[in-house]
Structure formats: structure tokens, C-alpha cells
N, C-alpha and C. Protein backbone atom coordinates (compact mmCIF):
# COMPACT_ATOMS: atom_id res chain seq x y z
N MET A 1 120.72 -37.48 15.00
CA MET A 1 120.00 -38.73 13.84
C MET A 1 118.44 -38.61 14.55
N LYS A 2 117.22 -38.59 13.49
CA LYS A 2 116.19 -38.26 13.76
C LYS A 2 115.63 -39.71 14.53
N THR A 3 114.57 -39.49 15.15
CA THR A 3 114.13 -40.76 15.80
C THR A 3 113.00 -40.93 14.15
N PRO A 4 111.95 -42.06 14.31
CA PRO A 4 111.18 -42.29 13.77
C PRO A 4 109.81 -41.81 14.03
N TYR A 5 109.71 -41.37 14.93
CA TYR A 5 108.37 -40.67 15.42
C TYR A 5 108.62 -39.13 14.97
N THR A 6 109.77 -38.80 15.24
CA THR A 6 109.73 -37.40 14.96
C THR A 6 110.16 -37.21 12.98
N TYR A 7 110.62 -38.06 12.38
CA TYR A 7 110.64 -38.11 11.00
C TYR A 7 109.50 -37.96 10.15
N TYR A 8 108.67 -39.45 11.48
CA TYR A 8 107.38 -39.42 10.30
C TYR A 8 106.64 -38.02 10.44
N TRP A 9 106.27 -37.59 11.74
CA TRP A 9 105.51 -36.11 12.07
C TRP A 9 105.96 -34.93 10.92
N GLY A 10 107.39 -35.01 10.71
CA GLY A 10 108.24 -33.77 10.53
C GLY A 10 107.52 -34.29 9.08
N MET A 11 107.90 -35.40 8.22
CA MET A 11 107.45 -35.27 7.06
C MET A 11 105.67 -35.28 6.57
N LYS A 12 105.22 -35.69 7.84
CA LYS A 12 103.71 -35.10 7.39
C LYS A 12 103.43 -33.92 7.49
N ALA A 13 104.02 -33.17 8.20
CA ALA A 13 104.00 -31.96 8.33
C ALA A 13 103.75 -31.36 6.72
N HIS A 14 105.31 -31.42 6.59
CA HIS A 14 106.29 -31.37 5.13
C HIS A 14 104.92 -31.22 4.20
N ARG A 15 104.64 -32.79 4.19
CA ARG A 15 103.48 -33.10 3.33
C ARG A 15 102.25 -32.49 2.64
N GLU A 16 101.74 -31.49 4.04
CA GLU A 16 100.55 -30.84 3.92
C GLU A 16 100.64 -29.58 3.65
N LEU A 17 102.06 -29.10 4.34
CA LEU A 17 102.31 -27.72 3.96
C LEU A 17 102.92 -27.44 2.83
N VAL A 18 103.78 -28.20 2.26
CA VAL A 18 104.46 -28.08 0.73
C VAL A 18 103.90 -28.54 -0.40
N HIS A 19 103.25 -29.73 -0.17
CA HIS A 19 103.03 -30.55 -1.34
C HIS A 19 101.63 -30.07 -1.31
N ASN A 20 100.65 -29.90 -0.50
CA ASN A 20 99.48 -29.65 -0.62
C ASN A 20 99.13 -28.46 0.13
N GLY A 21 99.80 -27.41 -0.02
CA GLY A 21 99.41 -26.21 0.81
C GLY A 21 99.93 -25.05 0.20
N PRO A 22 99.99 -23.88 0.83
CA PRO A 22 100.29 -22.76 -0.16
C PRO A 22 102.24 -22.22 0.12
N PHE A 23 102.54 -23.11 0.58
CA PHE A 23 103.93 -23.08 0.80
C PHE A 23 105.01 -23.69 -0.21
N ASP A 24 106.38 -22.91 0.18
CA ASP A 24 106.78 -23.71 -0.91
C ASP A 24 108.22 -24.38 0.01
N GLU A 25 108.58 -24.09 1.33
CA GLU A 25 109.74 -25.04 2.27
C GLU A 25 108.87 -25.00 3.61
N VAL A 26 109.55 -25.48 4.55
CA VAL A 26 109.26 -25.76 6.07
C VAL A 26 110.03 -25.15 6.95
N LEU A 27 110.34 -24.09 7.58
CA LEU A 27 111.33 -24.48 8.68
C LEU A 27 110.68 -24.76 10.08
N TYR A 28 111.66 -25.73 10.50
CA TYR A 28 110.84 -26.44 11.93
C TYR A 28 111.47 -25.94 12.93
N THR A 29 110.61 -25.44 13.92
CA THR A 29 111.21 -24.95 15.32
C THR A 29 109.89 -25.92 16.76
N SER A 30 110.99 -25.20 17.21
CA SER A 30 110.67 -25.78 18.89
C SER A 30 111.08 -25.42 20.07
N ASN A 31 110.25 -24.52 20.78
CA ASN A 31 110.17 -23.93 21.88
C ASN A 31 111.07 -22.63 21.44
N LYS A 32 110.79 -22.15 20.52
CA LYS A 32 111.69 -21.15 20.29
C LYS A 32 112.58 -21.08 19.54
N GLU A 33 113.15 -22.54 19.16
CA GLU A 33 114.09 -22.64 18.55
C GLU A 33 114.47 -23.27 17.26
N ILE A 34 115.11 -23.27 16.26
CA ILE A 34 115.01 -23.49 14.84
C ILE A 34 116.00 -24.73 15.22
N LEU A 35 114.68 -25.56 14.46
CA LEU A 35 115.39 -26.84 14.50
C LEU A 35 115.98 -27.41 13.25
N GLU A 36 115.76 -26.99 11.95
CA GLU A 36 115.92 -27.52 10.54
C GLU A 36 115.47 -27.19 9.82
N GLY A 37 115.87 -27.29 8.46
CA GLY A 37 114.84 -26.79 6.73
C GLY A 37 114.41 -27.83 6.51
N THR A 38 113.64 -28.23 5.70
CA THR A 38 113.23 -29.22 5.11
C THR A 38 114.29 -29.79 4.10
N THR A 39 114.68 -28.44 3.18
CA THR A 39 115.83 -29.13 1.97
C THR A 39 116.80 -28.03 2.10
N PHE A 40 116.93 -27.13 2.78
CA PHE A 40 117.76 -26.24 2.87
C PHE A 40 118.37 -25.81 4.45
N SER A 41 120.04 -25.17 4.54
CA SER A 41 120.63 -24.96 6.03
C SER A 41 119.92 -23.79 6.17
N PHE A 42 119.71 -23.35 7.30
CA PHE A 42 119.70 -21.65 7.87
C PHE A 42 120.70 -21.40 8.61
N PHE A 43 120.88 -20.04 8.69
CA PHE A 43 121.73 -19.42 9.14
C PHE A 43 121.86 -18.08 9.81
N ILE A 44 122.01 -17.54 10.41
CA ILE A 44 122.28 -16.07 11.08
C ILE A 44 123.14 -15.46 11.27
N VAL A 45 123.68 -13.98 10.95
CA VAL A 45 124.56 -13.85 11.82
C VAL A 45 124.49 -12.55 12.90
N VAL A 46 125.09 -12.84 14.17
CA VAL A 46 124.23 -11.82 15.06
C VAL A 46 125.97 -11.28 15.90
N ASP A 47 126.02 -10.15 16.34
CA ASP A 47 127.06 -8.98 16.15
C ASP A 47 128.37 -10.44 15.72
N GLY A 48 128.40 -10.79 14.66
CA GLY A 48 129.91 -11.17 13.75
C GLY A 48 129.85 -12.29 13.96
N GLU A 49 129.21 -13.09 14.70
CA GLU A 49 128.89 -14.37 14.85
C GLU A 49 127.96 -14.88 13.90
N VAL A 50 128.68 -16.33 13.17
CA VAL A 50 127.58 -17.33 12.63
C VAL A 50 126.97 -18.02 13.63
N LYS A 51 125.62 -18.43 13.07
CA LYS A 51 125.05 -19.30 13.93
C LYS A 51 124.33 -20.16 13.43
N THR A 52 124.01 -21.95 12.91
CA THR A 52 123.61 -22.68 12.36
C THR A 52 122.52 -23.34 13.48
N SER A 53 121.94 -23.81 12.77
CA SER A 53 120.68 -24.65 13.14
C SER A 53 121.03 -26.06 12.63
């Protein structure tokens, strides 16, 4: 569950980058780890293993 602080800054970044900016979507990362997408799921297959965010 997101905290209000995290949710607020995530929505603020989304609004600035997507609604008012040149991007269609935002992929949130922190410390080189994928946290989440705004309206989509993210996954990658590494050596036959599916990894999700």
C-alpha cells in the first residue's frame, strides 16, 4: 500500500511528465529497481524466469 506522501509525489510526477509533458507513460524506479508503471504492468524474462514489478 502506498503512503500518502509517496502517492502524492508519484501523482505529481505523472501529471508533470504525462499530462503536461512529452511522455505517454511513466515507469517509476528507485535505487536502480523498478517500482511500478502508472497504468500498466511491467515484466521481463531473464534466463527463462519471469520477473515482475
